[in-house]
Amino acid sequence: MNFFTRARRVDQQDTQPAKSASSASSNIHSNYGYDPHLVPKLREDHAQLVRLFTELGSQLEHGQDPTRLVREEIQPIFAGHLLLERYFYDSLEDVADDLVTDDPEVWRNFRDSMKAIARAVNRYLAEVTVGRLRGQEALDKHEQIMAALGKRISDEEERLYLIYERVLGGRAAVTAPREVRARALRVVS
């Protein structure tokens, strides 16, 4: 099969009627499921990013060139973290219609603000590495970025991660096979 045949098939699939909202919500784990390692990994990324951004501030303060730190450490970790967050938000979106007590707009607003923060951080990192931001201007912008990231991290960890664990984690425990639940209970005990 060549590229054009494949492209035609994709176009034909796109024209198929979408699933109704009721059928989508009846299959809670249609696209995403609970991952017990996701929140700990996101928290680990947060700690690592705070450490790296603190190091970036120190390098800027001492007039050092931060290009290597940004390109080899910060950007790859930040990009990976954004992918994990996308999965995280998609997981919440997947069950949004089934939730009564949690306002889906809460995490939709979080997701939108994360996109804005990600754009600002990536723009800042690019400006620092190509030398458009130097000296006090770079430090001032760094303080703004650190404040936005700090608030964001704290809000996510205090609100959204709890929703994810409670809603998706609780459903995973209920739907997990009995032997998996038993093993999990032994680990917790």
N, C-alpha and C. Protein backbone atom coordinates (compact mmCIF):
# COMPACT_ATOMS: atom_id res chain seq x y z
N MET A 1 0.86 -1.17 0.00
CA MET A 1 0.00 0.00 0.00
C MET A 1 0.90 1.23 0.00
N ASN A 2 0.61 2.19 -0.87
CA ASN A 2 1.43 3.38 -0.91
C ASN A 2 0.82 4.50 -0.07
N PHE A 3 1.53 5.61 -0.02
CA PHE A 3 1.13 6.73 0.81
C PHE A 3 -0.26 7.24 0.43
N PHE A 4 -0.55 7.38 -0.87
CA PHE A 4 -1.82 7.96 -1.29
C PHE A 4 -3.00 7.06 -0.98
N THR A 5 -2.81 5.75 -1.10
CA THR A 5 -3.87 4.82 -0.73
C THR A 5 -4.16 4.92 0.76
N ARG A 6 -3.08 4.98 1.53
CA ARG A 6 -3.23 5.10 2.98
C ARG A 6 -3.93 6.41 3.34
N ALA A 7 -3.55 7.49 2.67
CA ALA A 7 -4.16 8.79 2.94
C ALA A 7 -5.65 8.77 2.63
N ARG A 8 -6.05 8.11 1.52
CA ARG A 8 -7.46 8.01 1.18
C ARG A 8 -8.22 7.24 2.25
N ARG A 9 -7.63 6.16 2.74
CA ARG A 9 -8.29 5.37 3.79
C ARG A 9 -8.47 6.18 5.06
N VAL A 10 -7.46 6.97 5.40
CA VAL A 10 -7.57 7.81 6.59
C VAL A 10 -8.69 8.82 6.39
N ASP A 11 -8.76 9.43 5.19
CA ASP A 11 -9.83 10.39 4.91
C ASP A 11 -11.19 9.73 5.02
N GLN A 12 -11.32 8.52 4.53
CA GLN A 12 -12.60 7.81 4.60
C GLN A 12 -12.96 7.49 6.04
N GLN A 13 -11.96 7.16 6.85
CA GLN A 13 -12.23 6.88 8.27
C GLN A 13 -12.70 8.14 8.98
N ASP A 14 -12.13 9.29 8.59
CA ASP A 14 -12.52 10.54 9.22
C ASP A 14 -13.97 10.90 8.94
N THR A 15 -14.54 10.37 7.85
CA THR A 15 -15.91 10.71 7.52
C THR A 15 -16.92 9.78 8.18
N GLN A 16 -16.44 8.75 8.87
CA GLN A 16 -17.34 7.84 9.56
C GLN A 16 -18.01 8.58 10.71
N PRO A 17 -19.26 8.26 11.01
CA PRO A 17 -19.93 8.95 12.11
C PRO A 17 -19.22 8.70 13.43
N ALA A 18 -19.18 9.74 14.24
CA ALA A 18 -18.53 9.65 15.55
C ALA A 18 -19.42 8.87 16.50
N LYS A 19 -18.78 8.28 17.52
CA LYS A 19 -19.55 7.58 18.55
C LYS A 19 -20.41 8.59 19.29
N SER A 20 -21.55 8.17 19.72
CA SER A 20 -22.39 9.06 20.51
C SER A 20 -21.76 9.24 21.88
N ALA A 21 -22.11 10.33 22.53
CA ALA A 21 -21.56 10.62 23.85
C ALA A 21 -21.91 9.52 24.84
N SER A 22 -23.11 8.97 24.71
CA SER A 22 -23.51 7.93 25.67
C SER A 22 -22.69 6.67 25.48
N SER A 23 -22.38 6.30 24.23
CA SER A 23 -21.58 5.09 24.04
C SER A 23 -20.14 5.33 24.44
N ALA A 24 -19.66 6.56 24.27
CA ALA A 24 -18.28 6.86 24.67
C ALA A 24 -18.16 6.84 26.19
N SER A 25 -19.15 7.38 26.89
CA SER A 25 -19.03 7.42 28.34
C SER A 25 -19.30 6.07 28.98
N SER A 26 -19.98 5.18 28.26
CA SER A 26 -20.23 3.87 28.86
C SER A 26 -18.98 3.02 28.90
N ASN A 27 -18.01 3.32 28.06
CA ASN A 27 -16.75 2.58 28.08
C ASN A 27 -15.68 3.50 28.66
N ILE A 28 -15.58 3.53 29.95
CA ILE A 28 -14.73 4.47 30.65
C ILE A 28 -13.28 4.37 30.22
N HIS A 29 -12.78 3.21 29.98
CA HIS A 29 -11.38 3.05 29.63
C HIS A 29 -11.21 2.90 28.12
N SER A 30 -12.00 3.64 27.34
CA SER A 30 -11.96 3.48 25.90
C SER A 30 -10.60 3.83 25.32
N ASN A 31 -10.00 4.90 25.75
CA ASN A 31 -8.71 5.31 25.21
C ASN A 31 -7.61 5.33 26.27
N TYR A 32 -7.97 5.67 27.46
CA TYR A 32 -6.98 5.86 28.52
C TYR A 32 -7.42 5.09 29.75
N GLY A 33 -6.46 4.73 30.53
CA GLY A 33 -6.78 4.05 31.77
C GLY A 33 -5.93 4.62 32.88
N TYR A 34 -6.13 4.10 34.03
CA TYR A 34 -5.38 4.53 35.19
C TYR A 34 -3.98 3.94 35.14
N ASP A 35 -3.00 4.78 35.38
CA ASP A 35 -1.61 4.33 35.47
C ASP A 35 -1.11 4.71 36.85
N PRO A 36 -0.86 3.74 37.72
CA PRO A 36 -0.44 4.06 39.09
C PRO A 36 0.93 4.72 39.15
N HIS A 37 1.68 4.68 38.06
CA HIS A 37 3.01 5.29 38.05
C HIS A 37 3.00 6.71 37.50
N LEU A 38 1.87 7.14 36.94
CA LEU A 38 1.82 8.44 36.27
C LEU A 38 2.02 9.60 37.24
N VAL A 39 1.24 9.68 38.29
CA VAL A 39 1.36 10.81 39.22
C VAL A 39 2.73 10.84 39.89
N PRO A 40 3.27 9.71 40.37
CA PRO A 40 4.63 9.77 40.92
C PRO A 40 5.67 10.25 39.89
N LYS A 41 5.52 9.85 38.63
CA LYS A 41 6.46 10.29 37.59
C LYS A 41 6.30 11.79 37.34
N LEU A 42 5.08 12.29 37.32
CA LEU A 42 4.86 13.72 37.13
C LEU A 42 5.47 14.51 38.29
N ARG A 43 5.31 14.01 39.51
CA ARG A 43 5.90 14.68 40.68
C ARG A 43 7.44 14.67 40.59
N GLU A 44 7.98 13.54 40.16
CA GLU A 44 9.43 13.43 39.99
C GLU A 44 9.92 14.44 38.94
N ASP A 45 9.20 14.55 37.84
CA ASP A 45 9.54 15.54 36.81
C ASP A 45 9.49 16.95 37.39
N HIS A 46 8.47 17.24 38.18
CA HIS A 46 8.36 18.57 38.78
C HIS A 46 9.59 18.89 39.62
N ALA A 47 9.99 17.95 40.45
CA ALA A 47 11.17 18.17 41.30
C ALA A 47 12.42 18.39 40.45
N GLN A 48 12.56 17.59 39.41
CA GLN A 48 13.72 17.71 38.53
C GLN A 48 13.70 19.04 37.78
N LEU A 49 12.54 19.45 37.29
CA LEU A 49 12.44 20.72 36.57
C LEU A 49 12.71 21.91 37.48
N VAL A 50 12.21 21.87 38.70
CA VAL A 50 12.50 22.95 39.65
C VAL A 50 14.00 23.04 39.90
N ARG A 51 14.64 21.89 40.10
CA ARG A 51 16.09 21.88 40.32
C ARG A 51 16.83 22.46 39.11
N LEU A 52 16.44 22.05 37.91
CA LEU A 52 17.11 22.52 36.69
C LEU A 52 16.86 24.00 36.44
N PHE A 53 15.64 24.46 36.67
CA PHE A 53 15.36 25.89 36.48
C PHE A 53 16.07 26.73 37.54
N THR A 54 16.25 26.19 38.73
CA THR A 54 17.03 26.88 39.76
C THR A 54 18.49 26.98 39.31
N GLU A 55 19.01 25.89 38.77
CA GLU A 55 20.38 25.90 38.24
C GLU A 55 20.50 26.89 37.08
N LEU A 56 19.50 26.97 36.24
CA LEU A 56 19.50 27.93 35.14
C LEU A 56 19.59 29.35 35.68
N GLY A 57 18.80 29.65 36.70
CA GLY A 57 18.85 30.97 37.32
C GLY A 57 20.22 31.28 37.88
N SER A 58 20.85 30.30 38.49
CA SER A 58 22.19 30.48 39.04
C SER A 58 23.20 30.77 37.93
N GLN A 59 23.09 30.03 36.84
CA GLN A 59 24.00 30.27 35.71
C GLN A 59 23.80 31.67 35.14
N LEU A 60 22.56 32.09 35.00
CA LEU A 60 22.29 33.43 34.48
C LEU A 60 22.83 34.49 35.43
N GLU A 61 22.64 34.26 36.72
CA GLU A 61 23.11 35.21 37.73
C GLU A 61 24.62 35.38 37.70
N HIS A 62 25.34 34.29 37.40
CA HIS A 62 26.80 34.33 37.37
C HIS A 62 27.36 34.61 35.98
N GLY A 63 26.49 34.96 35.03
CA GLY A 63 26.93 35.32 33.69
C GLY A 63 27.43 34.15 32.86
N GLN A 64 27.06 32.93 33.24
CA GLN A 64 27.48 31.75 32.48
C GLN A 64 26.53 31.50 31.31
N ASP A 65 27.04 30.82 30.31
CA ASP A 65 26.23 30.47 29.15
C ASP A 65 25.38 29.24 29.49
N PRO A 66 24.05 29.37 29.48
CA PRO A 66 23.18 28.26 29.86
C PRO A 66 22.78 27.33 28.71
N THR A 67 23.37 27.52 27.54
CA THR A 67 22.93 26.78 26.35
C THR A 67 22.96 25.27 26.55
N ARG A 68 24.06 24.74 27.07
CA ARG A 68 24.17 23.29 27.25
C ARG A 68 23.11 22.78 28.22
N LEU A 69 22.96 23.46 29.35
CA LEU A 69 21.96 23.06 30.34
C LEU A 69 20.55 23.05 29.74
N VAL A 70 20.24 24.10 29.00
CA VAL A 70 18.90 24.21 28.41
C VAL A 70 18.67 23.12 27.37
N ARG A 71 19.60 22.99 26.44
CA ARG A 71 19.40 22.06 25.32
C ARG A 71 19.53 20.60 25.71
N GLU A 72 20.46 20.29 26.60
CA GLU A 72 20.72 18.88 26.92
C GLU A 72 19.92 18.36 28.10
N GLU A 73 19.47 19.25 28.96
CA GLU A 73 18.76 18.78 30.15
C GLU A 73 17.34 19.33 30.25
N ILE A 74 17.19 20.64 30.26
CA ILE A 74 15.87 21.22 30.52
C ILE A 74 14.88 20.91 29.40
N GLN A 75 15.25 21.21 28.16
CA GLN A 75 14.29 21.02 27.07
C GLN A 75 13.83 19.57 26.90
N PRO A 76 14.73 18.58 26.93
CA PRO A 76 14.24 17.20 26.79
C PRO A 76 13.32 16.77 27.95
N ILE A 77 13.67 17.15 29.16
CA ILE A 77 12.84 16.76 30.31
C ILE A 77 11.50 17.48 30.26
N PHE A 78 11.53 18.76 29.90
CA PHE A 78 10.29 19.54 29.80
C PHE A 78 9.38 18.97 28.71
N ALA A 79 9.96 18.62 27.56
CA ALA A 79 9.17 18.05 26.45
C ALA A 79 8.55 16.72 26.87
N GLY A 80 9.31 15.87 27.53
CA GLY A 80 8.78 14.60 28.00
C GLY A 80 7.68 14.79 29.03
N HIS A 81 7.87 15.77 29.89
CA HIS A 81 6.87 16.07 30.91
C HIS A 81 5.56 16.53 30.26
N LEU A 82 5.68 17.35 29.24
CA LEU A 82 4.47 17.83 28.55
C LEU A 82 3.71 16.67 27.90
N LEU A 83 4.43 15.68 27.39
CA LEU A 83 3.77 14.50 26.82
C LEU A 83 3.02 13.72 27.90
N LEU A 84 3.67 13.56 29.05
CA LEU A 84 3.00 12.87 30.17
C LEU A 84 1.76 13.64 30.62
N GLU A 85 1.88 14.97 30.66
CA GLU A 85 0.74 15.77 31.07
C GLU A 85 -0.39 15.67 30.06
N ARG A 86 -0.04 15.58 28.80
CA ARG A 86 -1.08 15.42 27.79
C ARG A 86 -1.86 14.13 28.04
N TYR A 87 -1.15 13.05 28.32
CA TYR A 87 -1.80 11.78 28.65
C TYR A 87 -2.67 11.95 29.90
N PHE A 88 -2.13 12.62 30.90
CA PHE A 88 -2.84 12.86 32.15
C PHE A 88 -4.17 13.59 31.89
N TYR A 89 -4.10 14.70 31.14
CA TYR A 89 -5.31 15.47 30.85
C TYR A 89 -6.28 14.70 29.96
N ASP A 90 -5.74 13.97 29.00
CA ASP A 90 -6.61 13.15 28.15
C ASP A 90 -7.33 12.09 28.99
N SER A 91 -6.65 11.53 29.98
CA SER A 91 -7.28 10.55 30.87
C SER A 91 -8.44 11.17 31.62
N LEU A 92 -8.26 12.39 32.11
CA LEU A 92 -9.34 13.08 32.81
C LEU A 92 -10.48 13.42 31.86
N GLU A 93 -10.14 13.88 30.67
CA GLU A 93 -11.18 14.20 29.68
C GLU A 93 -12.00 12.97 29.33
N ASP A 94 -11.35 11.83 29.29
CA ASP A 94 -12.01 10.59 28.90
C ASP A 94 -13.15 10.22 29.84
N VAL A 95 -13.06 10.62 31.10
CA VAL A 95 -14.11 10.30 32.07
C VAL A 95 -14.92 11.52 32.49
N ALA A 96 -14.69 12.65 31.86
CA ALA A 96 -15.33 13.90 32.28
C ALA A 96 -16.85 13.82 32.32
N ASP A 97 -17.44 13.19 31.33
CA ASP A 97 -18.90 13.13 31.28
C ASP A 97 -19.50 12.25 32.38
N ASP A 98 -18.69 11.37 32.94
CA ASP A 98 -19.18 10.46 33.97
C ASP A 98 -19.10 11.05 35.38
N LEU A 99 -18.47 12.19 35.51
CA LEU A 99 -18.26 12.76 36.84
C LEU A 99 -19.40 13.69 37.21
N VAL A 100 -19.86 13.56 38.42
CA VAL A 100 -20.92 14.41 38.91
C VAL A 100 -20.35 15.45 39.86
N THR A 101 -19.45 15.03 40.73
CA THR A 101 -18.97 15.91 41.78
C THR A 101 -17.83 16.83 41.34
N ASP A 102 -17.10 16.46 40.31
CA ASP A 102 -15.98 17.28 39.87
C ASP A 102 -16.36 18.04 38.61
N ASP A 103 -16.05 19.31 38.60
CA ASP A 103 -16.35 20.13 37.45
C ASP A 103 -15.29 19.90 36.37
N PRO A 104 -15.67 19.33 35.23
CA PRO A 104 -14.69 19.09 34.17
C PRO A 104 -14.00 20.36 33.70
N GLU A 105 -14.65 21.50 33.88
CA GLU A 105 -14.01 22.75 33.47
C GLU A 105 -12.75 23.04 34.28
N VAL A 106 -12.67 22.48 35.49
CA VAL A 106 -11.49 22.69 36.32
C VAL A 106 -10.25 22.24 35.57
N TRP A 107 -10.23 20.96 35.12
CA TRP A 107 -9.01 20.51 34.46
C TRP A 107 -8.92 20.99 33.02
N ARG A 108 -10.04 21.33 32.41
CA ARG A 108 -9.94 21.92 31.06
C ARG A 108 -9.25 23.28 31.15
N ASN A 109 -9.59 24.05 32.19
CA ASN A 109 -8.90 25.33 32.40
C ASN A 109 -7.43 25.11 32.72
N PHE A 110 -7.14 24.09 33.53
CA PHE A 110 -5.75 23.75 33.83
C PHE A 110 -5.01 23.41 32.55
N ARG A 111 -5.64 22.62 31.70
CA ARG A 111 -4.99 22.21 30.45
C ARG A 111 -4.70 23.44 29.57
N ASP A 112 -5.67 24.33 29.45
CA ASP A 112 -5.46 25.53 28.64
C ASP A 112 -4.34 26.39 29.20
N SER A 113 -4.32 26.55 30.52
CA SER A 113 -3.26 27.37 31.11
C SER A 113 -1.91 26.68 30.97
N MET A 114 -1.89 25.34 31.01
CA MET A 114 -0.62 24.63 30.82
C MET A 114 -0.08 24.87 29.43
N LYS A 115 -0.94 24.90 28.44
CA LYS A 115 -0.49 25.17 27.07
C LYS A 115 0.15 26.56 26.99
N ALA A 116 -0.48 27.54 27.64
CA ALA A 116 0.06 28.90 27.63
C ALA A 116 1.41 28.95 28.36
N ILE A 117 1.50 28.28 29.49
CA ILE A 117 2.76 28.25 30.24
C ILE A 117 3.84 27.55 29.43
N ALA A 118 3.50 26.44 28.79
CA ALA A 118 4.47 25.70 27.98
C ALA A 118 5.01 26.58 26.85
N ARG A 119 4.12 27.32 26.19
CA ARG A 119 4.58 28.22 25.12
C ARG A 119 5.52 29.28 25.67
N ALA A 120 5.16 29.87 26.81
CA ALA A 120 5.99 30.91 27.41
C ALA A 120 7.36 30.36 27.83
N VAL A 121 7.37 29.17 28.43
CA VAL A 121 8.63 28.56 28.86
C VAL A 121 9.50 28.23 27.65
N ASN A 122 8.92 27.62 26.64
CA ASN A 122 9.70 27.28 25.44
C ASN A 122 10.24 28.52 24.74
N ARG A 123 9.45 29.58 24.68
CA ARG A 123 9.91 30.84 24.08
C ARG A 123 11.07 31.41 24.91
N TYR A 124 10.91 31.39 26.23
CA TYR A 124 11.96 31.90 27.11
C TYR A 124 13.26 31.10 26.94
N LEU A 125 13.16 29.78 26.93
CA LEU A 125 14.36 28.95 26.77
C LEU A 125 15.04 29.22 25.44
N ALA A 126 14.25 29.40 24.39
CA ALA A 126 14.83 29.70 23.07
C ALA A 126 15.53 31.06 23.10
N GLU A 127 14.92 32.05 23.71
CA GLU A 127 15.52 33.39 23.77
C GLU A 127 16.81 33.39 24.59
N VAL A 128 16.84 32.61 25.65
CA VAL A 128 18.04 32.53 26.47
C VAL A 128 19.18 31.85 25.71
N THR A 129 18.87 30.77 25.00
CA THR A 129 19.94 30.02 24.32
C THR A 129 20.49 30.75 23.11
N VAL A 130 19.68 31.55 22.43
CA VAL A 130 20.22 32.28 21.27
C VAL A 130 20.77 33.64 21.66
N GLY A 131 20.68 33.99 22.92
CA GLY A 131 21.28 35.22 23.41
C GLY A 131 20.41 36.46 23.31
N ARG A 132 19.13 36.31 23.03
CA ARG A 132 18.25 37.47 22.98
C ARG A 132 17.97 38.03 24.37
N LEU A 133 18.00 37.16 25.36
CA LEU A 133 17.81 37.59 26.74
C LEU A 133 19.12 37.42 27.49
N ARG A 134 19.60 38.50 28.05
CA ARG A 134 20.84 38.47 28.83
C ARG A 134 20.69 39.34 30.07
N GLY A 135 21.58 39.15 30.98
CA GLY A 135 21.67 40.00 32.16
C GLY A 135 20.40 40.06 32.97
N GLN A 136 20.08 41.27 33.42
CA GLN A 136 18.93 41.47 34.31
C GLN A 136 17.61 41.11 33.64
N GLU A 137 17.51 41.37 32.35
CA GLU A 137 16.28 41.03 31.64
C GLU A 137 16.02 39.52 31.69
N ALA A 138 17.07 38.73 31.49
CA ALA A 138 16.95 37.27 31.56
C ALA A 138 16.58 36.83 32.97
N LEU A 139 17.19 37.46 33.98
CA LEU A 139 16.88 37.12 35.37
C LEU A 139 15.45 37.48 35.75
N ASP A 140 14.99 38.66 35.29
CA ASP A 140 13.61 39.07 35.58
C ASP A 140 12.61 38.09 34.96
N LYS A 141 12.86 37.74 33.72
CA LYS A 141 11.98 36.79 33.03
C LYS A 141 12.04 35.42 33.72
N HIS A 142 13.23 35.05 34.18
CA HIS A 142 13.40 33.78 34.89
C HIS A 142 12.55 33.76 36.16
N GLU A 143 12.54 34.85 36.89
CA GLU A 143 11.71 34.94 38.11
C GLU A 143 10.24 34.76 37.78
N GLN A 144 9.79 35.39 36.69
CA GLN A 144 8.39 35.26 36.27
C GLN A 144 8.06 33.81 35.92
N ILE A 145 8.96 33.18 35.17
CA ILE A 145 8.75 31.78 34.77
C ILE A 145 8.72 30.88 36.01
N MET A 146 9.65 31.09 36.93
CA MET A 146 9.70 30.27 38.15
C MET A 146 8.42 30.44 38.97
N ALA A 147 7.93 31.67 39.07
CA ALA A 147 6.70 31.92 39.83
C ALA A 147 5.51 31.21 39.17
N ALA A 148 5.41 31.30 37.85
CA ALA A 148 4.31 30.65 37.13
C ALA A 148 4.40 29.13 37.27
N LEU A 149 5.60 28.58 37.11
CA LEU A 149 5.77 27.13 37.23
C LEU A 149 5.50 26.66 38.66
N GLY A 150 6.00 27.42 39.64
CA GLY A 150 5.78 27.05 41.04
C GLY A 150 4.31 27.00 41.40
N LYS A 151 3.57 28.02 40.98
CA LYS A 151 2.13 28.05 41.25
C LYS A 151 1.44 26.90 40.53
N ARG A 152 1.84 26.70 39.30
CA ARG A 152 1.22 25.64 38.50
C ARG A 152 1.45 24.26 39.12
N ILE A 153 2.68 24.00 39.50
CA ILE A 153 3.03 22.70 40.10
C ILE A 153 2.22 22.49 41.37
N SER A 154 2.18 23.50 42.20
CA SER A 154 1.46 23.38 43.47
C SER A 154 -0.03 23.15 43.23
N ASP A 155 -0.63 23.88 42.29
CA ASP A 155 -2.06 23.69 41.99
C ASP A 155 -2.33 22.29 41.45
N GLU A 156 -1.48 21.83 40.53
CA GLU A 156 -1.67 20.48 39.97
C GLU A 156 -1.59 19.42 41.06
N GLU A 157 -0.53 19.51 41.87
CA GLU A 157 -0.31 18.47 42.87
C GLU A 157 -1.37 18.49 43.96
N GLU A 158 -1.88 19.67 44.29
CA GLU A 158 -2.87 19.77 45.36
C GLU A 158 -4.30 19.49 44.90
N ARG A 159 -4.58 19.67 43.60
CA ARG A 159 -5.96 19.51 43.14
C ARG A 159 -6.13 18.39 42.12
N LEU A 160 -5.44 18.52 40.99
CA LEU A 160 -5.70 17.60 39.88
C LEU A 160 -5.22 16.19 40.14
N TYR A 161 -4.07 16.06 40.76
CA TYR A 161 -3.56 14.71 41.00
C TYR A 161 -4.48 13.95 41.94
N LEU A 162 -5.09 14.67 42.88
CA LEU A 162 -6.04 14.03 43.79
C LEU A 162 -7.29 13.56 43.04
N ILE A 163 -7.76 14.38 42.09
CA ILE A 163 -8.92 13.98 41.29
C ILE A 163 -8.57 12.74 40.48
N TYR A 164 -7.41 12.75 39.85
CA TYR A 164 -6.98 11.61 39.02
C TYR A 164 -6.92 10.34 39.86
N GLU A 165 -6.25 10.43 41.01
CA GLU A 165 -6.10 9.25 41.87
C GLU A 165 -7.46 8.77 42.38
N ARG A 166 -8.30 9.70 42.80
CA ARG A 166 -9.59 9.32 43.37
C ARG A 166 -10.51 8.74 42.30
N VAL A 167 -10.61 9.43 41.17
CA VAL A 167 -11.57 9.01 40.15
C VAL A 167 -11.05 7.83 39.35
N LEU A 168 -9.93 8.00 38.70
CA LEU A 168 -9.42 6.92 37.85
C LEU A 168 -8.82 5.79 38.67
N GLY A 169 -8.11 6.13 39.72
CA GLY A 169 -7.52 5.09 40.57
C GLY A 169 -8.58 4.26 41.25
N GLY A 170 -9.64 4.91 41.72
CA GLY A 170 -10.74 4.18 42.34
C GLY A 170 -11.44 3.25 41.37
N ARG A 171 -11.60 3.70 40.14
CA ARG A 171 -12.25 2.85 39.13
C ARG A 171 -11.35 1.69 38.76
N ALA A 172 -10.06 1.94 38.69
CA ALA A 172 -9.13 0.86 38.35
C ALA A 172 -9.17 -0.21 39.44
N ALA A 173 -9.26 0.22 40.69
CA ALA A 173 -9.30 -0.75 41.79
C ALA A 173 -10.58 -1.58 41.73
N VAL A 174 -11.68 -0.95 41.36
CA VAL A 174 -12.95 -1.66 41.29
C VAL A 174 -12.97 -2.63 40.12
N THR A 175 -12.36 -2.25 39.00
CA THR A 175 -12.43 -3.09 37.80
C THR A 175 -11.26 -4.04 37.67
N ALA A 176 -10.26 -3.92 38.54
CA ALA A 176 -9.09 -4.80 38.44
C ALA A 176 -9.48 -6.22 38.84
N PRO A 177 -8.83 -7.21 38.25
CA PRO A 177 -9.09 -8.59 38.65
C PRO A 177 -8.82 -8.78 40.15
N ARG A 178 -9.51 -9.72 40.75
CA ARG A 178 -9.43 -9.93 42.19
C ARG A 178 -7.99 -10.17 42.65
N GLU A 179 -7.21 -10.96 41.91
CA GLU A 179 -5.84 -11.24 42.35
C GLU A 179 -4.96 -9.99 42.30
N VAL A 180 -5.21 -9.08 41.35
CA VAL A 180 -4.45 -7.82 41.29
C VAL A 180 -4.80 -6.96 42.49
N ARG A 181 -6.10 -6.87 42.82
CA ARG A 181 -6.51 -6.08 43.98
C ARG A 181 -5.89 -6.66 45.25
N ALA A 182 -5.87 -7.98 45.37
CA ALA A 182 -5.30 -8.63 46.56
C ALA A 182 -3.82 -8.31 46.69
N ARG A 183 -3.08 -8.36 45.58
CA ARG A 183 -1.65 -8.02 45.62
C ARG A 183 -1.46 -6.57 46.04
N ALA A 184 -2.29 -5.67 45.50
CA ALA A 184 -2.19 -4.26 45.83
C ALA A 184 -2.46 -4.04 47.31
N LEU A 185 -3.42 -4.75 47.85
CA LEU A 185 -3.72 -4.61 49.28
C LEU A 185 -2.57 -5.12 50.13
N ARG A 186 -1.90 -6.19 49.71
CA ARG A 186 -0.75 -6.70 50.46
C ARG A 186 0.38 -5.68 50.46
N VAL A 187 0.59 -5.00 49.34
CA VAL A 187 1.65 -4.00 49.26
C VAL A 187 1.36 -2.84 50.18
N VAL A 188 0.09 -2.41 50.23
CA VAL A 188 -0.30 -1.28 51.07
C VAL A 188 -0.20 -1.63 52.54
N SER A 189 -0.51 -2.86 52.91
CA SER A 189 -0.54 -3.28 54.32
C SER A 189 0.81 -3.25 54.95
